[in-house]
N, C-alpha and C. Protein backbone atom coordinates (compact mmCIF):
# COMPACT_ATOMS: atom_id res chain seq x y z
N MET A 1 37.93 175.44 85.20
CA MET A 1 38.19 174.19 84.51
C MET A 1 37.28 174.07 83.28
N LEU A 2 36.03 174.42 83.44
CA LEU A 2 35.09 174.34 82.33
C LEU A 2 35.44 175.35 81.24
N THR A 3 35.94 176.51 81.65
CA THR A 3 36.36 177.53 80.67
C THR A 3 37.52 177.03 79.83
N ALA A 4 38.50 176.37 80.47
CA ALA A 4 39.65 175.84 79.74
C ALA A 4 39.23 174.73 78.78
N LEU A 5 38.33 173.88 79.22
CA LEU A 5 37.84 172.80 78.37
C LEU A 5 37.08 173.36 77.18
N ALA A 6 36.25 174.35 77.41
CA ALA A 6 35.50 174.98 76.32
C ALA A 6 36.43 175.67 75.34
N ALA A 7 37.47 176.34 75.85
CA ALA A 7 38.42 177.03 74.97
C ALA A 7 39.18 176.03 74.11
N THR A 8 39.61 174.93 74.69
CA THR A 8 40.34 173.92 73.93
C THR A 8 39.45 173.27 72.88
N ALA A 9 38.23 172.91 73.28
CA ALA A 9 37.30 172.29 72.34
C ALA A 9 36.98 173.23 71.19
N LEU A 10 36.76 174.49 71.48
CA LEU A 10 36.45 175.47 70.44
C LEU A 10 37.64 175.69 69.51
N ALA A 11 38.83 175.75 70.09
CA ALA A 11 40.03 175.94 69.26
C ALA A 11 40.20 174.79 68.28
N TYR A 12 40.03 173.56 68.74
CA TYR A 12 40.17 172.42 67.84
C TYR A 12 38.99 172.27 66.90
N LEU A 13 37.83 172.73 67.30
CA LEU A 13 36.67 172.70 66.42
C LEU A 13 36.89 173.61 65.20
N VAL A 14 37.58 174.71 65.41
CA VAL A 14 37.89 175.62 64.31
C VAL A 14 39.16 175.17 63.58
N ALA A 15 40.16 174.70 64.32
CA ALA A 15 41.46 174.39 63.72
C ALA A 15 41.46 173.11 62.91
N LEU A 16 40.65 172.15 63.29
CA LEU A 16 40.64 170.87 62.59
C LEU A 16 40.25 171.01 61.12
N PRO A 17 39.13 171.66 60.78
CA PRO A 17 38.82 171.81 59.36
C PRO A 17 39.82 172.69 58.61
N VAL A 18 40.31 173.74 59.26
CA VAL A 18 41.27 174.62 58.60
C VAL A 18 42.58 173.87 58.32
N GLY A 19 43.10 173.15 59.31
CA GLY A 19 44.34 172.41 59.14
C GLY A 19 44.21 171.28 58.14
N LEU A 20 43.10 170.55 58.18
CA LEU A 20 42.90 169.46 57.21
C LEU A 20 42.73 169.98 55.79
N THR A 21 42.01 171.07 55.64
CA THR A 21 41.86 171.65 54.31
C THR A 21 43.19 172.12 53.76
N ALA A 22 44.00 172.76 54.61
CA ALA A 22 45.31 173.23 54.16
C ALA A 22 46.23 172.06 53.84
N ALA A 23 46.12 170.97 54.57
CA ALA A 23 47.01 169.83 54.32
C ALA A 23 46.60 169.03 53.10
N LEU A 24 45.32 168.91 52.86
CA LEU A 24 44.85 168.04 51.79
C LEU A 24 44.62 168.74 50.46
N THR A 25 44.66 170.04 50.46
CA THR A 25 44.45 170.76 49.20
C THR A 25 45.72 170.68 48.34
N HIS A 26 45.50 170.66 47.05
CA HIS A 26 46.63 170.67 46.12
C HIS A 26 46.76 172.03 45.46
N VAL A 27 46.01 173.00 45.97
CA VAL A 27 46.05 174.36 45.45
C VAL A 27 46.87 175.19 46.42
N ARG A 28 48.04 175.61 46.00
CA ARG A 28 48.96 176.34 46.87
C ARG A 28 48.35 177.64 47.38
N ARG A 29 47.61 178.34 46.52
CA ARG A 29 47.02 179.62 46.93
C ARG A 29 45.99 179.45 48.04
N LEU A 30 45.23 178.37 47.98
CA LEU A 30 44.24 178.11 49.03
C LEU A 30 44.93 177.81 50.35
N GLU A 31 46.00 177.04 50.29
CA GLU A 31 46.76 176.75 51.51
C GLU A 31 47.32 178.03 52.12
N GLU A 32 47.88 178.89 51.29
CA GLU A 32 48.41 180.15 51.80
C GLU A 32 47.30 181.07 52.31
N LEU A 33 46.16 181.06 51.65
CA LEU A 33 45.04 181.87 52.09
C LEU A 33 44.55 181.43 53.47
N LEU A 34 44.61 180.14 53.74
CA LEU A 34 44.18 179.63 55.03
C LEU A 34 45.23 179.83 56.12
N MET A 35 46.50 179.64 55.79
CA MET A 35 47.53 179.60 56.82
C MET A 35 48.20 180.94 57.10
N ARG A 36 48.24 181.85 56.15
CA ARG A 36 48.93 183.14 56.38
C ARG A 36 48.30 183.97 57.49
N PRO A 37 46.98 184.11 57.55
CA PRO A 37 46.42 184.86 58.69
C PRO A 37 46.74 184.21 60.03
N LEU A 38 46.82 182.90 60.06
CA LEU A 38 47.17 182.21 61.29
C LEU A 38 48.63 182.45 61.64
N ASP A 39 49.49 182.56 60.63
CA ASP A 39 50.90 182.89 60.89
C ASP A 39 51.04 184.28 61.49
N VAL A 40 50.23 185.21 61.02
CA VAL A 40 50.25 186.57 61.58
C VAL A 40 49.82 186.54 63.05
N LEU A 41 48.79 185.77 63.34
CA LEU A 41 48.33 185.66 64.72
C LEU A 41 49.36 184.96 65.60
N LEU A 42 50.13 184.04 65.02
CA LEU A 42 51.19 183.37 65.77
C LEU A 42 52.33 184.32 66.11
N ALA A 43 52.51 185.35 65.30
CA ALA A 43 53.60 186.29 65.53
C ALA A 43 53.35 187.18 66.74
N VAL A 44 52.10 187.32 67.15
CA VAL A 44 51.75 188.14 68.30
C VAL A 44 51.82 187.27 69.56
N PRO A 45 52.52 187.71 70.59
CA PRO A 45 52.56 186.92 71.83
C PRO A 45 51.15 186.72 72.40
N SER A 46 50.77 185.47 72.59
CA SER A 46 49.39 185.17 72.96
C SER A 46 49.02 185.67 74.36
N LEU A 47 49.94 185.56 75.30
CA LEU A 47 49.62 186.05 76.65
C LEU A 47 49.41 187.56 76.65
N LEU A 48 50.23 188.27 75.91
CA LEU A 48 50.08 189.73 75.81
C LEU A 48 48.75 190.08 75.16
N LEU A 49 48.37 189.36 74.13
CA LEU A 49 47.11 189.62 73.45
C LEU A 49 45.92 189.35 74.37
N ILE A 50 45.97 188.25 75.11
CA ILE A 50 44.89 187.92 76.05
C ILE A 50 44.77 188.99 77.13
N LEU A 51 45.91 189.39 77.70
CA LEU A 51 45.88 190.41 78.76
C LEU A 51 45.38 191.75 78.23
N LEU A 52 45.80 192.12 77.03
CA LEU A 52 45.38 193.40 76.45
C LEU A 52 43.88 193.42 76.20
N VAL A 53 43.37 192.40 75.56
CA VAL A 53 41.94 192.36 75.24
C VAL A 53 41.11 192.22 76.52
N ALA A 54 41.57 191.38 77.46
CA ALA A 54 40.82 191.19 78.70
C ALA A 54 40.79 192.46 79.54
N SER A 55 41.85 193.26 79.49
CA SER A 55 41.85 194.50 80.28
C SER A 55 40.99 195.59 79.64
N VAL A 56 40.90 195.58 78.32
CA VAL A 56 40.10 196.60 77.64
C VAL A 56 38.61 196.27 77.68
N PHE A 57 38.26 195.01 77.43
CA PHE A 57 36.84 194.65 77.31
C PHE A 57 36.28 193.96 78.55
N SER A 58 37.10 193.50 79.45
CA SER A 58 36.71 192.75 80.65
C SER A 58 35.63 191.69 80.37
N PRO A 59 36.02 190.65 79.62
CA PRO A 59 35.04 189.62 79.25
C PRO A 59 34.72 188.71 80.43
N GLY A 60 33.59 188.06 80.34
CA GLY A 60 33.22 187.07 81.35
C GLY A 60 33.88 185.74 81.01
N ALA A 61 33.34 184.68 81.56
CA ALA A 61 33.91 183.35 81.32
C ALA A 61 33.78 182.95 79.86
N THR A 62 32.66 183.27 79.23
CA THR A 62 32.46 182.91 77.83
C THR A 62 33.42 183.70 76.93
N GLY A 63 33.54 184.98 77.19
CA GLY A 63 34.46 185.81 76.41
C GLY A 63 35.91 185.38 76.58
N LEU A 64 36.27 184.99 77.79
CA LEU A 64 37.63 184.51 78.04
C LEU A 64 37.89 183.20 77.30
N ALA A 65 36.89 182.32 77.28
CA ALA A 65 37.04 181.05 76.54
C ALA A 65 37.21 181.33 75.05
N LEU A 66 36.45 182.27 74.51
CA LEU A 66 36.60 182.64 73.10
C LEU A 66 37.97 183.25 72.82
N LEU A 67 38.44 184.07 73.72
CA LEU A 67 39.74 184.71 73.56
C LEU A 67 40.88 183.69 73.59
N VAL A 68 40.84 182.79 74.55
CA VAL A 68 41.87 181.75 74.64
C VAL A 68 41.80 180.83 73.43
N ALA A 69 40.59 180.51 72.97
CA ALA A 69 40.44 179.68 71.78
C ALA A 69 41.03 180.38 70.56
N MET A 70 40.79 181.69 70.46
CA MET A 70 41.30 182.44 69.32
C MET A 70 42.82 182.40 69.24
N VAL A 71 43.51 182.49 70.35
CA VAL A 71 44.96 182.48 70.31
C VAL A 71 45.52 181.06 70.20
N ASN A 72 44.70 180.04 70.44
CA ASN A 72 45.16 178.66 70.31
C ASN A 72 44.86 178.04 68.95
N VAL A 73 43.99 178.65 68.17
CA VAL A 73 43.65 178.12 66.86
C VAL A 73 44.87 178.01 65.94
N PRO A 74 45.75 179.02 65.83
CA PRO A 74 46.89 178.88 64.91
C PRO A 74 47.80 177.70 65.27
N ASP A 75 48.09 177.52 66.54
CA ASP A 75 48.94 176.40 66.94
C ASP A 75 48.28 175.07 66.59
N ALA A 76 47.01 174.94 66.91
CA ALA A 76 46.30 173.69 66.65
C ALA A 76 46.18 173.42 65.15
N ALA A 77 45.92 174.45 64.36
CA ALA A 77 45.81 174.27 62.91
C ALA A 77 47.13 173.84 62.30
N ARG A 78 48.23 174.41 62.78
CA ARG A 78 49.53 174.00 62.25
C ARG A 78 49.88 172.58 62.66
N ILE A 79 49.49 172.18 63.85
CA ILE A 79 49.73 170.80 64.29
C ILE A 79 48.93 169.83 63.42
N VAL A 80 47.67 170.14 63.19
CA VAL A 80 46.83 169.27 62.36
C VAL A 80 47.37 169.21 60.94
N ARG A 81 47.74 170.36 60.40
CA ARG A 81 48.27 170.41 59.03
C ARG A 81 49.57 169.63 58.92
N ALA A 82 50.47 169.81 59.86
CA ALA A 82 51.76 169.11 59.80
C ALA A 82 51.59 167.61 59.97
N ARG A 83 50.65 167.19 60.78
CA ARG A 83 50.44 165.77 61.02
C ARG A 83 49.82 165.09 59.81
N ARG A 84 48.99 165.79 59.07
CA ARG A 84 48.28 165.18 57.95
C ARG A 84 49.00 165.36 56.63
N ALA A 85 49.81 166.40 56.49
CA ALA A 85 50.49 166.65 55.21
C ALA A 85 51.51 165.56 54.95
N ARG A 86 51.67 165.21 53.70
CA ARG A 86 52.65 164.21 53.32
C ARG A 86 54.03 164.84 53.25
N PRO A 87 55.07 164.10 53.62
CA PRO A 87 56.41 164.65 53.47
C PRO A 87 56.78 164.72 51.99
N PRO A 88 57.66 165.64 51.63
CA PRO A 88 58.04 165.73 50.23
C PRO A 88 58.78 164.47 49.80
N PRO A 89 58.62 164.06 48.55
CA PRO A 89 59.30 162.84 48.11
C PRO A 89 60.81 163.03 48.08
N VAL A 90 61.52 161.96 48.36
CA VAL A 90 62.98 161.99 48.33
C VAL A 90 63.42 161.87 46.88
N PRO A 91 64.30 162.76 46.41
CA PRO A 91 64.77 162.66 45.03
C PRO A 91 65.43 161.31 44.79
N ARG A 92 65.33 160.83 43.57
CA ARG A 92 65.88 159.53 43.21
C ARG A 92 67.38 159.45 43.50
N SER A 93 68.08 160.55 43.33
CA SER A 93 69.53 160.53 43.54
C SER A 93 69.91 160.40 45.01
N ARG A 94 69.00 160.69 45.94
CA ARG A 94 69.32 160.63 47.36
C ARG A 94 68.73 159.41 48.07
N ARG A 95 67.99 158.55 47.36
CA ARG A 95 67.33 157.42 48.01
C ARG A 95 68.33 156.44 48.61
N CYS A 96 69.43 156.17 47.92
CA CYS A 96 70.41 155.21 48.42
C CYS A 96 71.08 155.75 49.68
N ALA A 97 71.42 157.03 49.68
CA ALA A 97 72.06 157.62 50.85
C ALA A 97 71.13 157.62 52.04
N CYS A 98 69.85 157.82 51.79
CA CYS A 98 68.89 157.82 52.90
C CYS A 98 68.77 156.43 53.52
N ARG A 99 68.91 155.39 52.69
CA ARG A 99 68.85 154.04 53.23
C ARG A 99 70.15 153.64 53.90
N ALA A 100 71.28 154.21 53.50
CA ALA A 100 72.57 153.82 54.05
C ALA A 100 72.81 154.41 55.43
N ARG A 101 72.28 155.55 55.72
CA ARG A 101 72.54 156.20 57.00
C ARG A 101 72.04 155.41 58.20
N PRO A 102 70.82 154.83 58.17
CA PRO A 102 70.42 154.03 59.32
C PRO A 102 71.32 152.82 59.54
N GLY A 103 72.02 152.37 58.50
CA GLY A 103 72.93 151.24 58.63
C GLY A 103 74.25 151.60 59.25
N GLY A 104 74.47 152.86 59.59
CA GLY A 104 75.69 153.27 60.26
C GLY A 104 76.65 154.06 59.40
N ALA A 105 76.33 154.27 58.15
CA ALA A 105 77.22 155.03 57.28
C ALA A 105 77.20 156.50 57.66
N SER A 106 78.36 157.13 57.61
CA SER A 106 78.44 158.55 57.95
C SER A 106 77.93 159.39 56.78
N PRO A 107 77.54 160.65 57.04
CA PRO A 107 77.10 161.51 55.94
C PRO A 107 78.19 161.69 54.89
N TRP A 108 79.47 161.73 55.31
CA TRP A 108 80.56 161.88 54.36
C TRP A 108 80.66 160.66 53.45
N ALA A 109 80.53 159.48 54.03
CA ALA A 109 80.64 158.25 53.23
C ALA A 109 79.49 158.14 52.23
N THR A 110 78.32 158.59 52.61
CA THR A 110 77.19 158.47 51.68
C THR A 110 77.22 159.54 50.60
N SER A 111 77.88 160.67 50.85
CA SER A 111 77.90 161.71 49.82
C SER A 111 79.15 161.66 48.96
N ALA A 112 80.29 161.23 49.53
CA ALA A 112 81.54 161.22 48.77
C ALA A 112 81.99 159.82 48.39
N GLY A 113 81.34 158.81 48.88
CA GLY A 113 81.74 157.44 48.61
C GLY A 113 81.36 157.01 47.21
N PRO A 114 81.61 155.74 46.92
CA PRO A 114 81.28 155.25 45.58
C PRO A 114 79.77 155.26 45.37
N PRO A 115 79.33 155.47 44.14
CA PRO A 115 77.89 155.48 43.90
C PRO A 115 77.29 154.11 44.17
N CYS A 116 76.12 154.09 44.72
CA CYS A 116 75.46 152.83 45.02
C CYS A 116 74.54 152.46 43.87
N ALA A 117 74.07 151.27 43.91
CA ALA A 117 73.17 150.79 42.85
C ALA A 117 71.89 151.62 42.85
N PRO A 118 71.34 151.88 41.71
CA PRO A 118 70.12 152.68 41.67
C PRO A 118 68.97 151.94 42.36
N SER A 119 68.07 152.71 42.90
CA SER A 119 66.91 152.15 43.56
C SER A 119 65.97 151.54 42.54
N PRO A 120 65.28 150.47 42.95
CA PRO A 120 64.27 149.94 42.02
C PRO A 120 63.14 150.94 41.89
N PRO A 121 62.50 151.00 40.74
CA PRO A 121 61.41 151.97 40.57
C PRO A 121 60.26 151.67 41.52
N THR A 122 59.70 152.73 42.04
CA THR A 122 58.55 152.61 42.93
C THR A 122 57.29 152.94 42.14
N PRO A 123 56.12 152.56 42.63
CA PRO A 123 54.90 152.88 41.89
C PRO A 123 54.70 154.38 41.68
N GLU A 124 55.19 155.22 42.64
CA GLU A 124 55.01 156.67 42.48
C GLU A 124 55.92 157.22 41.39
N SER A 125 57.17 156.68 41.27
CA SER A 125 58.12 157.25 40.31
C SER A 125 57.96 156.61 38.95
N GLY A 126 57.35 155.47 38.90
CA GLY A 126 56.92 154.74 37.78
C GLY A 126 57.71 154.50 36.62
């Protein structure tokens, strides 16, 4: 139980700064530099990686906690990044259709129907 708690705490201790930096940076290259190695690690099945490393090196409880934390960092970093990143802005031409759908309008009616009144300007679109 203590090993699992240590692995989870360590994974989030590493993933939180990485995910927040990737989400809040406005430099695309920095975001890719942070997230691409984690994507590569996500491509490897984590259980297979844990079993392979544990069978070769036979780690103790501390080594196992580090190993489990290592395979959980990419998932945690992506969760933190996705939760903190802002969604892309809706284009001005699609704002009316986005508001009409919750009111019950079908996708066909919002795309092929008569044009709706333009949206009032927002502070971001200015």
